[in-house]
Amino acid sequence: MSALVASGGLTACAGSFDPATDARSPVAPRVQAMVDANREYPRWAEFPRTVEPLPEPMAIAAQVNTLRVTSGALAGEVSRIDWQTTQDPAAFAAEVQARVDAVPVDPVTAETLAEIEDFVRRTRERGRAPPPVDRR
């Protein structure tokens, strides 16, 4: 049943690809003339050519070789990177801390740090438990 309905729908569509012009219409002769004049699809020769010429195969090969050379150089640089640290972690941390300490700190930032530390101290003092109550 569904195949019958589907095939009926397809035949309904097929009629729309071959429309007939109503001969009683006053513009029918002009419409038919335009349809007949444009019935064929354009040929490839009628399409515009590309503006840029295609690169020569030797130019493409040169670009590919350049990419190969640069990727080889990059692979060489990557292979020289020490990806795993083999030194003592404490020494590495001390070295990083020394590098951070070597950067001068803005006075406003130091002031802010002092204010934060003062706030933390006051908050800890307020957070202390009260002394126990003597129940005797």
Protein backbone atom coordinates (compact mmCIF):
# COMPACT_ATOMS: atom_id res chain seq x y z
CA MET A 1 0.00 0.00 0.00
CA SER A 2 2.78 2.44 0.94
CA ALA A 3 4.62 1.60 -2.29
CA LEU A 4 1.50 2.52 -4.24
CA VAL A 5 1.22 5.85 -2.42
CA ALA A 6 4.94 6.58 -2.93
CA SER A 7 4.80 5.78 -6.64
CA GLY A 8 1.70 7.97 -6.97
CA GLY A 9 3.61 10.83 -5.35
CA LEU A 10 6.54 10.35 -7.75
CA THR A 11 4.31 10.42 -10.80
CA ALA A 12 2.76 13.63 -9.52
CA CYS A 13 6.24 15.15 -9.33
CA ALA A 14 7.18 13.93 -12.79
CA GLY A 15 4.46 16.07 -14.33
CA SER A 16 5.95 19.22 -12.85
CA PHE A 17 9.20 18.70 -14.78
CA ASP A 18 7.41 18.99 -18.13
CA PRO A 19 4.98 21.86 -17.70
CA ALA A 20 2.64 22.72 -20.54
CA THR A 21 1.90 26.31 -21.46
CA ASP A 22 -1.76 27.27 -21.48
CA ALA A 23 -2.47 28.09 -25.13
CA ARG A 24 -5.41 30.36 -24.20
CA SER A 25 -3.13 32.75 -22.27
CA PRO A 26 -2.26 36.03 -24.05
CA VAL A 27 1.42 35.64 -23.15
CA ALA A 28 1.60 31.97 -24.18
CA PRO A 29 3.47 32.53 -27.46
CA ARG A 30 6.15 34.66 -25.74
CA VAL A 31 6.55 32.21 -22.82
CA GLN A 32 6.85 29.27 -25.20
CA ALA A 33 9.46 31.13 -27.27
CA MET A 34 11.53 31.86 -24.14
CA VAL A 35 11.28 28.25 -22.99
CA ASP A 36 12.31 26.92 -26.39
CA ALA A 37 15.25 29.36 -26.61
CA ASN A 38 16.61 28.33 -23.19
CA ARG A 39 15.81 24.62 -23.25
CA GLU A 40 19.44 23.42 -23.45
CA TYR A 41 21.83 23.70 -20.54
CA PRO A 42 24.93 25.84 -20.97
CA ARG A 43 27.98 24.09 -22.36
CA TRP A 44 31.35 24.02 -20.57
CA ALA A 45 32.76 26.30 -23.25
CA GLU A 46 30.31 29.00 -22.14
CA PHE A 47 31.59 29.10 -18.56
CA PRO A 48 34.25 31.73 -17.81
CA ARG A 49 37.81 30.55 -17.43
CA THR A 50 39.65 30.93 -14.14
CA VAL A 51 41.50 34.21 -13.75
CA GLU A 52 44.55 32.76 -12.02
CA PRO A 53 46.59 30.24 -13.94
CA LEU A 54 47.15 26.92 -12.18
CA PRO A 55 50.62 26.55 -10.65
CA GLU A 56 53.12 24.49 -12.54
CA PRO A 57 53.87 21.00 -11.19
CA MET A 58 57.48 22.01 -10.51
CA ALA A 59 56.30 24.93 -8.33
CA ILE A 60 54.05 22.59 -6.35
CA ALA A 61 56.93 20.12 -5.94
CA ALA A 62 59.17 22.94 -4.67
CA GLN A 63 56.57 23.95 -2.08
CA VAL A 64 56.20 20.34 -0.95
CA ASN A 65 59.98 19.99 -0.57
CA THR A 66 60.09 23.25 1.43
CA LEU A 67 57.44 21.87 3.78
CA ARG A 68 59.40 18.64 4.17
CA VAL A 69 62.59 20.53 5.05
CA THR A 70 60.88 22.80 7.57
CA SER A 71 59.05 19.88 9.17
CA GLY A 72 62.37 18.04 9.45
CA ALA A 73 63.96 21.06 11.12
CA LEU A 74 61.02 21.32 13.51
CA ALA A 75 61.27 17.62 14.34
CA GLY A 76 64.97 18.13 15.11
CA GLU A 77 64.20 21.01 17.47
CA VAL A 78 61.51 18.98 19.23
CA SER A 79 63.85 16.02 19.66
CA ARG A 80 66.35 18.25 21.52
CA ILE A 81 63.78 19.31 24.14
CA ASP A 82 64.25 17.66 27.52
CA TRP A 83 60.68 16.54 28.13
CA GLN A 84 61.39 14.72 31.39
CA THR A 85 63.13 16.40 34.27
CA THR A 86 65.86 14.23 35.71
CA GLN A 87 66.88 16.56 38.49
CA ASP A 88 65.80 16.74 42.10
CA PRO A 89 62.22 18.11 42.44
CA ALA A 90 63.15 20.23 45.47
CA ALA A 91 66.06 21.80 43.57
CA PHE A 92 63.78 22.44 40.59
CA ALA A 93 61.20 24.10 42.87
CA ALA A 94 63.92 26.24 44.47
CA GLU A 95 65.17 27.29 41.02
CA VAL A 96 61.66 28.27 39.93
CA GLN A 97 61.09 30.16 43.19
CA ALA A 98 64.38 32.01 42.66
CA ARG A 99 63.29 33.03 39.17
CA VAL A 100 59.94 34.26 40.51
CA ASP A 101 61.62 36.16 43.34
CA ALA A 102 63.97 37.83 40.85
CA VAL A 103 61.02 39.63 39.23
CA PRO A 104 60.38 42.91 41.08
CA VAL A 105 56.96 43.24 42.70
CA ASP A 106 54.92 46.38 42.26
CA PRO A 107 54.56 48.27 45.59
CA VAL A 108 50.77 48.30 45.25
CA THR A 109 50.81 44.53 44.84
CA ALA A 110 52.98 44.16 47.94
CA GLU A 111 50.59 46.41 49.83
CA THR A 112 47.65 44.30 48.72
CA LEU A 113 49.46 41.13 49.79
CA ALA A 114 50.08 42.66 53.22
CA GLU A 115 46.41 43.60 53.49
CA ILE A 116 45.36 40.07 52.56
CA GLU A 117 47.69 38.55 55.12
CA ASP A 118 46.36 40.95 57.78
CA PHE A 119 42.78 39.96 56.88
CA VAL A 120 43.67 36.27 57.14
CA ARG A 121 45.29 36.85 60.56
CA ARG A 122 42.23 38.73 61.88
CA THR A 123 39.87 36.10 60.51
CA ARG A 124 41.83 33.30 62.18
CA GLU A 125 41.71 35.17 65.50
CA ARG A 126 37.94 35.57 65.20
CA GLY A 127 37.59 31.90 64.31
CA ARG A 128 39.15 30.64 67.51
CA ALA A 129 36.85 28.71 69.82
CA PRO A 130 35.91 30.44 73.04
CA PRO A 131 37.44 29.15 76.25
CA PRO A 132 35.53 26.27 77.86
CA VAL A 133 32.92 27.16 80.43
CA ASP A 134 33.64 26.01 83.96
CA ARG A 135 30.62 23.97 85.06
CA ARG A 136 31.47 23.46 88.71
